[in-house]
Amino acid sequence: MSSNPFAESFNLEAAFADVSEYWSPNVVAQVNDQYVKVAKVRGQLVWHNHAHEDELFFVVRGHLKIEYEGRVVDLPTGSMHVVPRGTPHNPVATDECWIVLIEPVQTKHTGDVESPLTRTIDEQLRGSR
């Protein structure tokens, strides 16, 4: 028996329907020590980094840009991108964008940066219950 509290299967459209705030990810699954999160984003988050964790972005709907110092990665629908650990970045979406995030369970939403948009792991887990 698995101690994983998440369902083995879930409907991605339904998972996004449960997201009510921009930049507020909901954990929908756990794969080993990685959380799978869904989020709707619009505008910009905040410049931050994750000192010890890589972060994968998958754009399900819309268009996302990941700003780095000196460059921007453009991610249309269907794109995936890995932000390397320790790399300062800022996700930006001009219009509503739906993303899936895959990152280690201990990953802080905005690293060590606190902003009004920062969500704790508990807040991200509550959205999935």
C-alpha atoms as a PDB file:
ATOM      1  CA  MET A   1       0.000   0.000   0.000  1.00  0.00           C
ATOM      2  CA  SER A   2       1.230   3.451  -0.918  1.00  0.00           C
ATOM      3  CA  SER A   3       1.300   6.270   1.627  1.00  0.00           C
ATOM      4  CA  ASN A   4       0.834   8.764  -1.215  1.00  0.00           C
ATOM      5  CA  PRO A   5      -2.318  10.787  -0.316  1.00  0.00           C
ATOM      6  CA  PHE A   6      -3.027  11.732  -3.947  1.00  0.00           C
ATOM      7  CA  ALA A   7      -5.152   9.852  -6.462  1.00  0.00           C
ATOM      8  CA  GLU A   8      -3.327   7.695  -9.017  1.00  0.00           C
ATOM      9  CA  SER A   9      -5.218   9.499 -11.789  1.00  0.00           C
ATOM     10  CA  PHE A  10      -6.701  12.952 -12.142  1.00  0.00           C
ATOM     11  CA  ASN A  11      -8.290  15.049 -14.853  1.00  0.00           C
ATOM     12  CA  LEU A  12      -6.060  17.969 -15.815  1.00  0.00           C
ATOM     13  CA  GLU A  13      -8.967  20.200 -16.939  1.00  0.00           C
ATOM     14  CA  ALA A  14     -10.754  19.582 -13.629  1.00  0.00           C
ATOM     15  CA  ALA A  15      -7.545  20.324 -11.715  1.00  0.00           C
ATOM     16  CA  PHE A  16      -7.292  23.708 -13.435  1.00  0.00           C
ATOM     17  CA  ALA A  17     -10.992  24.380 -12.759  1.00  0.00           C
ATOM     18  CA  ASP A  18     -10.148  24.210  -9.036  1.00  0.00           C
ATOM     19  CA  VAL A  19      -7.531  26.975  -9.338  1.00  0.00           C
ATOM     20  CA  SER A  20      -9.129  30.271  -8.321  1.00  0.00           C
ATOM     21  CA  GLU A  21      -6.154  32.647  -7.885  1.00  0.00           C
ATOM     22  CA  TYR A  22      -3.269  33.538 -10.159  1.00  0.00           C
ATOM     23  CA  TRP A  23       0.193  32.432  -8.966  1.00  0.00           C
ATOM     24  CA  SER A  24      -1.336  30.092  -6.389  1.00  0.00           C
ATOM     25  CA  PRO A  25      -0.287  26.546  -7.331  1.00  0.00           C
ATOM     26  CA  ASN A  26      -2.309  23.506  -6.263  1.00  0.00           C
ATOM     27  CA  VAL A  27      -0.507  20.225  -5.672  1.00  0.00           C
ATOM     28  CA  VAL A  28      -2.328  17.520  -7.664  1.00  0.00           C
ATOM     29  CA  ALA A  29       0.074  14.568  -7.444  1.00  0.00           C
ATOM     30  CA  GLN A  30       3.298  13.320  -5.956  1.00  0.00           C
ATOM     31  CA  VAL A  31       5.852  11.245  -7.860  1.00  0.00           C
ATOM     32  CA  ASN A  32       8.517  10.015  -5.462  1.00  0.00           C
ATOM     33  CA  ASP A  33       9.935  13.202  -3.918  1.00  0.00           C
ATOM     34  CA  GLN A  34       8.466  15.519  -6.579  1.00  0.00           C
ATOM     35  CA  TYR A  35       5.183  17.429  -6.446  1.00  0.00           C
ATOM     36  CA  VAL A  36       3.124  17.975  -9.588  1.00  0.00           C
ATOM     37  CA  LYS A  37       1.370  21.340  -9.329  1.00  0.00           C
ATOM     38  CA  VAL A  38      -1.112  23.204 -11.514  1.00  0.00           C
ATOM     39  CA  ALA A  39      -1.347  26.974 -11.605  1.00  0.00           C
ATOM     40  CA  LYS A  40      -2.978  29.753 -13.545  1.00  0.00           C
ATOM     41  CA  VAL A  41      -0.674  32.718 -13.988  1.00  0.00           C
ATOM     42  CA  ARG A  42      -1.012  36.254 -15.283  1.00  0.00           C
ATOM     43  CA  GLY A  43       1.311  39.219 -14.878  1.00  0.00           C
ATOM     44  CA  GLN A  44       4.629  38.515 -13.188  1.00  0.00           C
ATOM     45  CA  LEU A  45       5.563  36.614 -10.066  1.00  0.00           C
ATOM     46  CA  VAL A  46       8.803  37.928  -8.518  1.00  0.00           C
ATOM     47  CA  TRP A  47      12.515  37.537  -9.182  1.00  0.00           C
ATOM     48  CA  HIS A  48      13.666  34.555  -7.123  1.00  0.00           C
ATOM     49  CA  ASN A  49      15.693  31.351  -7.240  1.00  0.00           C
ATOM     50  CA  HIS A  50      15.646  27.908  -5.705  1.00  0.00           C
ATOM     51  CA  ALA A  51      19.115  27.311  -4.335  1.00  0.00           C
ATOM     52  CA  HIS A  52      18.920  23.506  -4.289  1.00  0.00           C
ATOM     53  CA  GLU A  53      16.086  22.522  -6.656  1.00  0.00           C
ATOM     54  CA  ASP A  54      15.531  22.476 -10.406  1.00  0.00           C
ATOM     55  CA  GLU A  55      12.011  23.443 -11.490  1.00  0.00           C
ATOM     56  CA  LEU A  56      10.150  22.202 -14.573  1.00  0.00           C
ATOM     57  CA  PHE A  57       7.509  24.367 -16.277  1.00  0.00           C
ATOM     58  CA  PHE A  58       5.035  22.838 -18.763  1.00  0.00           C
ATOM     59  CA  VAL A  59       2.748  25.319 -20.536  1.00  0.00           C
ATOM     60  CA  VAL A  60      -0.671  23.706 -21.016  1.00  0.00           C
ATOM     61  CA  ARG A  61      -2.497  26.783 -22.301  1.00  0.00           C
ATOM     62  CA  GLY A  62      -1.342  30.282 -23.156  1.00  0.00           C
ATOM     63  CA  HIS A  63       2.113  31.781 -23.321  1.00  0.00           C
ATOM     64  CA  LEU A  64       4.767  32.094 -20.611  1.00  0.00           C
ATOM     65  CA  LYS A  65       8.097  33.876 -20.556  1.00  0.00           C
ATOM     66  CA  ILE A  66      10.843  33.076 -18.103  1.00  0.00           C
ATOM     67  CA  GLU A  67      13.039  36.102 -17.569  1.00  0.00           C
ATOM     68  CA  TYR A  68      16.670  35.511 -16.693  1.00  0.00           C
ATOM     69  CA  GLU A  69      19.408  38.061 -16.205  1.00  0.00           C
ATOM     70  CA  GLY A  70      20.310  39.010 -19.774  1.00  0.00           C
ATOM     71  CA  ARG A  71      17.831  36.773 -21.631  1.00  0.00           C
ATOM     72  CA  VAL A  72      14.205  35.644 -21.892  1.00  0.00           C
ATOM     73  CA  VAL A  73      12.936  32.122 -22.668  1.00  0.00           C
ATOM     74  CA  ASP A  74       9.693  32.174 -24.672  1.00  0.00           C
ATOM     75  CA  LEU A  75       7.306  29.273 -23.945  1.00  0.00           C
ATOM     76  CA  PRO A  76       4.164  28.892 -26.083  1.00  0.00           C
ATOM     77  CA  THR A  77       1.495  26.222 -25.419  1.00  0.00           C
ATOM     78  CA  GLY A  78       3.011  22.745 -25.303  1.00  0.00           C
ATOM     79  CA  SER A  79       6.475  23.933 -24.272  1.00  0.00           C
ATOM     80  CA  MET A  80       8.491  22.625 -21.361  1.00  0.00           C
ATOM     81  CA  HIS A  81      11.437  24.329 -19.694  1.00  0.00           C
ATOM     82  CA  VAL A  82      13.713  23.499 -16.768  1.00  0.00           C
ATOM     83  CA  VAL A  83      14.964  26.328 -14.586  1.00  0.00           C
ATOM     84  CA  PRO A  84      18.298  25.174 -13.145  1.00  0.00           C
ATOM     85  CA  ARG A  85      18.780  25.347  -9.385  1.00  0.00           C
ATOM     86  CA  GLY A  86      20.282  28.549  -8.088  1.00  0.00           C
ATOM     87  CA  THR A  87      19.321  30.536 -11.201  1.00  0.00           C
ATOM     88  CA  PRO A  88      17.491  33.837 -10.613  1.00  0.00           C
ATOM     89  CA  HIS A  89      14.338  33.923 -12.747  1.00  0.00           C
ATOM     90  CA  ASN A  90      10.982  35.653 -13.048  1.00  0.00           C
ATOM     91  CA  PRO A  91       7.973  33.985 -14.748  1.00  0.00           C
ATOM     92  CA  VAL A  92       5.788  36.414 -16.739  1.00  0.00           C
ATOM     93  CA  ALA A  93       2.492  35.928 -18.616  1.00  0.00           C
ATOM     94  CA  THR A  94       0.835  38.846 -20.402  1.00  0.00           C
ATOM     95  CA  ASP A  95      -2.482  36.946 -20.588  1.00  0.00           C
ATOM     96  CA  GLU A  96      -3.830  34.053 -18.522  1.00  0.00           C
ATOM     97  CA  CYS A  97      -1.597  31.020 -18.858  1.00  0.00           C
ATOM     98  CA  TRP A  98      -2.044  27.503 -17.442  1.00  0.00           C
ATOM     99  CA  ILE A  99       1.085  25.729 -16.278  1.00  0.00           C
ATOM    100  CA  VAL A 100       2.116  22.466 -14.684  1.00  0.00           C
ATOM    101  CA  LEU A 101       5.104  22.619 -12.349  1.00  0.00           C
ATOM    102  CA  ILE A 102       7.185  19.638 -11.305  1.00  0.00           C
ATOM    103  CA  GLU A 103       9.562  20.278  -8.452  1.00  0.00           C
ATOM    104  CA  PRO A 104      10.913  18.646  -5.283  1.00  0.00           C
ATOM    105  CA  VAL A 105       8.477  18.614  -2.367  1.00  0.00           C
ATOM    106  CA  GLN A 106      10.639  20.965  -0.281  1.00  0.00           C
ATOM    107  CA  THR A 107      10.746  23.686  -2.981  1.00  0.00           C
ATOM    108  CA  LYS A 108       9.617  27.043  -1.617  1.00  0.00           C
ATOM    109  CA  HIS A 109       7.239  28.843  -3.997  1.00  0.00           C
ATOM    110  CA  THR A 110       9.402  31.962  -4.360  1.00  0.00           C
ATOM    111  CA  GLY A 111      12.640  30.658  -2.863  1.00  0.00           C
ATOM    112  CA  ASP A 112      13.850  32.895  -0.052  1.00  0.00           C
ATOM    113  CA  VAL A 113      11.967  35.917  -1.442  1.00  0.00           C
ATOM    114  CA  GLU A 114       8.716  36.858   0.300  1.00  0.00           C
ATOM    115  CA  SER A 115       6.034  38.680  -1.672  1.00  0.00           C
ATOM    116  CA  PRO A 116       2.244  39.050  -1.452  1.00  0.00           C
ATOM    117  CA  LEU A 117       2.055  36.245  -4.057  1.00  0.00           C
ATOM    118  CA  THR A 118       4.186  33.771  -2.061  1.00  0.00           C
ATOM    119  CA  ARG A 119       2.318  30.593  -1.084  1.00  0.00           C
ATOM    120  CA  THR A 120       3.504  28.096   1.508  1.00  0.00           C
ATOM    121  CA  ILE A 121       3.605  24.377   0.783  1.00  0.00           C
ATOM    122  CA  ASP A 122       0.607  23.972   3.139  1.00  0.00           C
ATOM    123  CA  GLU A 123      -1.368  26.530   1.123  1.00  0.00           C
ATOM    124  CA  GLN A 124      -0.472  24.703  -2.090  1.00  0.00           C
ATOM    125  CA  LEU A 125      -1.576  21.386  -0.575  1.00  0.00           C
ATOM    126  CA  ARG A 126      -4.863  22.840   0.743  1.00  0.00           C
ATOM    127  CA  GLY A 127      -5.876  23.784  -2.779  1.00  0.00           C
ATOM    128  CA  SER A 128      -5.751  20.102  -3.719  1.00  0.00           C
ATOM    129  CA  ARG A 129      -7.951  18.788  -0.914  1.00  0.00           C
END
